[in-house]
Protein backbone atom coordinates (compact mmCIF):
# COMPACT_ATOMS: atom_id res chain seq x y z
CA MET A 1 33.18 -14.58 22.36
CA ASN A 2 35.51 -14.68 25.31
CA LYS A 3 38.70 -16.70 24.73
CA GLU A 4 39.59 -16.97 28.42
CA LYS A 5 36.31 -18.25 29.82
CA PRO A 6 33.80 -19.83 27.43
CA GLU A 7 30.45 -18.15 27.18
CA PRO A 8 27.45 -20.13 28.39
CA PRO A 9 26.09 -22.10 25.40
CA LYS A 10 22.68 -20.42 25.35
CA GLN A 11 24.23 -16.94 25.31
CA ALA A 12 26.75 -17.97 22.64
CA LEU A 13 24.00 -19.42 20.44
CA THR A 14 22.00 -16.21 20.75
CA ARG A 15 24.99 -14.15 19.68
CA CYS A 16 25.58 -16.51 16.74
CA GLU A 17 21.94 -16.20 15.67
CA LEU A 18 22.20 -12.43 15.81
CA MET A 19 25.39 -12.45 13.72
CA LEU A 20 23.80 -14.77 11.15
CA HIS A 21 20.85 -12.39 10.95
CA LEU A 22 23.25 -9.49 10.37
CA VAL A 23 25.02 -11.41 7.64
CA LYS A 24 21.97 -12.76 5.80
CA ASN A 25 19.40 -10.00 6.20
CA LEU A 26 21.27 -6.77 6.88
CA ASP A 27 24.40 -7.25 4.76
CA LEU A 28 26.59 -7.20 7.90
CA ALA A 29 25.19 -3.78 8.96
CA GLY A 30 28.37 -2.10 10.15
CA VAL A 31 30.36 -5.24 10.96
CA SER A 32 33.41 -5.95 8.81
CA THR A 33 33.69 -9.35 7.19
CA GLY A 34 37.00 -9.86 8.98
CA LYS A 35 35.49 -9.25 12.42
CA ALA A 36 32.48 -11.43 11.56
CA ALA A 37 34.86 -14.21 10.44
CA GLU A 38 36.85 -13.95 13.68
CA PHE A 39 33.59 -14.20 15.62
CA ALA A 40 32.51 -17.24 13.58
CA VAL A 41 35.87 -18.95 14.15
CA SER A 42 35.55 -18.34 17.89
CA ALA A 43 32.14 -20.04 17.73
CA VAL A 44 33.66 -23.01 15.86
CA THR A 45 36.15 -23.42 18.71
CA HIS A 46 33.53 -23.09 21.50
CA THR A 47 33.26 -25.91 24.05
CA ALA A 48 29.57 -26.61 23.34
CA ALA A 49 28.77 -28.71 20.25
CA PRO A 50 25.63 -26.74 19.23
CA VAL A 51 27.65 -23.52 19.23
CA ARG A 52 30.41 -25.12 17.17
CA LYS A 53 27.84 -26.37 14.64
CA PHE A 54 26.28 -22.92 14.35
CA GLY A 55 29.76 -21.41 14.02
CA GLU A 56 30.45 -23.71 11.07
CA LYS A 57 27.20 -22.62 9.43
CA LEU A 58 28.05 -18.96 9.98
CA THR A 59 31.60 -19.42 8.68
CA LEU A 60 30.36 -21.10 5.50
CA CYS A 61 27.81 -18.33 5.00
CA LEU A 62 30.55 -15.71 5.34
CA HIS A 63 32.82 -17.68 3.00
CA SER A 64 30.24 -17.32 0.23
CA ARG A 65 30.53 -13.51 0.64
CA ASP A 66 34.29 -13.06 0.99
CA PRO A 67 36.22 -16.32 0.53
CA ALA A 68 39.72 -14.88 0.87
CA ARG A 69 39.12 -13.00 4.11
CA VAL A 70 37.25 -15.88 5.76
CA ARG A 71 39.87 -18.42 4.68
CA ARG A 72 42.57 -16.16 6.17
CA ALA A 73 40.73 -16.03 9.53
CA VAL A 74 40.26 -19.80 9.66
CA THR A 75 43.84 -20.50 8.56
CA THR A 76 45.21 -18.11 11.19
CA ALA A 77 43.17 -19.80 13.92
CA ALA A 78 44.13 -23.30 12.73
CA GLU A 79 47.83 -22.44 12.81
CA GLY A 80 47.50 -20.67 16.14
CA GLY A 81 48.16 -23.59 18.39
CA GLY A 82 49.86 -26.88 18.66
CA GLY A 83 49.29 -29.18 21.52
CA GLU A 84 46.92 -31.57 23.07
CA GLY A 85 43.24 -32.38 23.55
CA ALA A 86 41.04 -29.34 22.90
CA THR A 87 43.58 -27.77 20.56
CA ARG A 88 43.69 -30.91 18.44
CA ASN A 89 39.86 -31.04 18.31
CA ARG A 90 39.73 -27.35 17.41
CA ASN A 91 42.21 -27.90 14.62
CA VAL A 92 40.15 -30.81 13.30
CA ALA A 93 37.06 -28.58 13.08
CA LEU A 94 39.01 -25.79 11.42
CA ARG A 95 40.71 -28.20 8.99
CA LYS A 96 37.28 -29.57 8.09
CA LEU A 97 36.17 -26.03 7.24
CA LEU A 98 39.28 -25.46 5.11
CA GLU A 99 38.54 -28.68 3.21
CA GLU A 100 34.97 -27.48 2.61
CA PHE A 101 36.35 -24.15 1.36
CA ASP A 102 38.56 -26.08 -1.07
CA ARG A 103 35.53 -28.02 -2.35
CA ARG A 104 33.49 -24.84 -2.78
CA ASP A 105 36.35 -22.99 -4.47
CA ALA A 106 36.93 -25.92 -6.84
CA LYS A 107 33.24 -25.95 -7.73
CA MET A 108 33.31 -22.18 -8.40
CA ASN A 109 36.42 -22.55 -10.57
CA GLY A 110 34.93 -25.20 -12.81
CA GLY A 111 35.19 -28.27 -10.61
CA GLY A 112 38.82 -29.14 -11.10
CA GLY A 113 41.58 -29.68 -8.63
CA GLY A 114 40.94 -27.47 -5.62
CA SER A 115 42.49 -24.23 -4.56
CA GLY A 116 46.02 -25.54 -4.36
CA GLY A 117 48.47 -24.05 -1.91
CA GLU A 118 46.33 -21.32 -0.39
CA ARG A 119 46.70 -22.80 3.05
């Protein structure tokens, strides 16, 4: 997705659907998990709410495949900006994902505590 000028929502949703298909049905088919995670994070930070929602779904799907790499991509994006309005909203969405990662990681590790200082 284009960082300078947001993609039209319909086009962005189509690309997200295609990526989710690649992840779920074709085992990423030539796309690295890191690149797929970067794509998913860009969807989470899109201006259109339906695209952001789909980006969250895609990010969580990728997290189940490679938690460390996806967490790194989300953490990098969350730390990437400080400022006003859209940046604050973006950081809220990314922080929400990191909290969900912590919950999932805690569940995988026997339900206790969380994943500590990985952020």
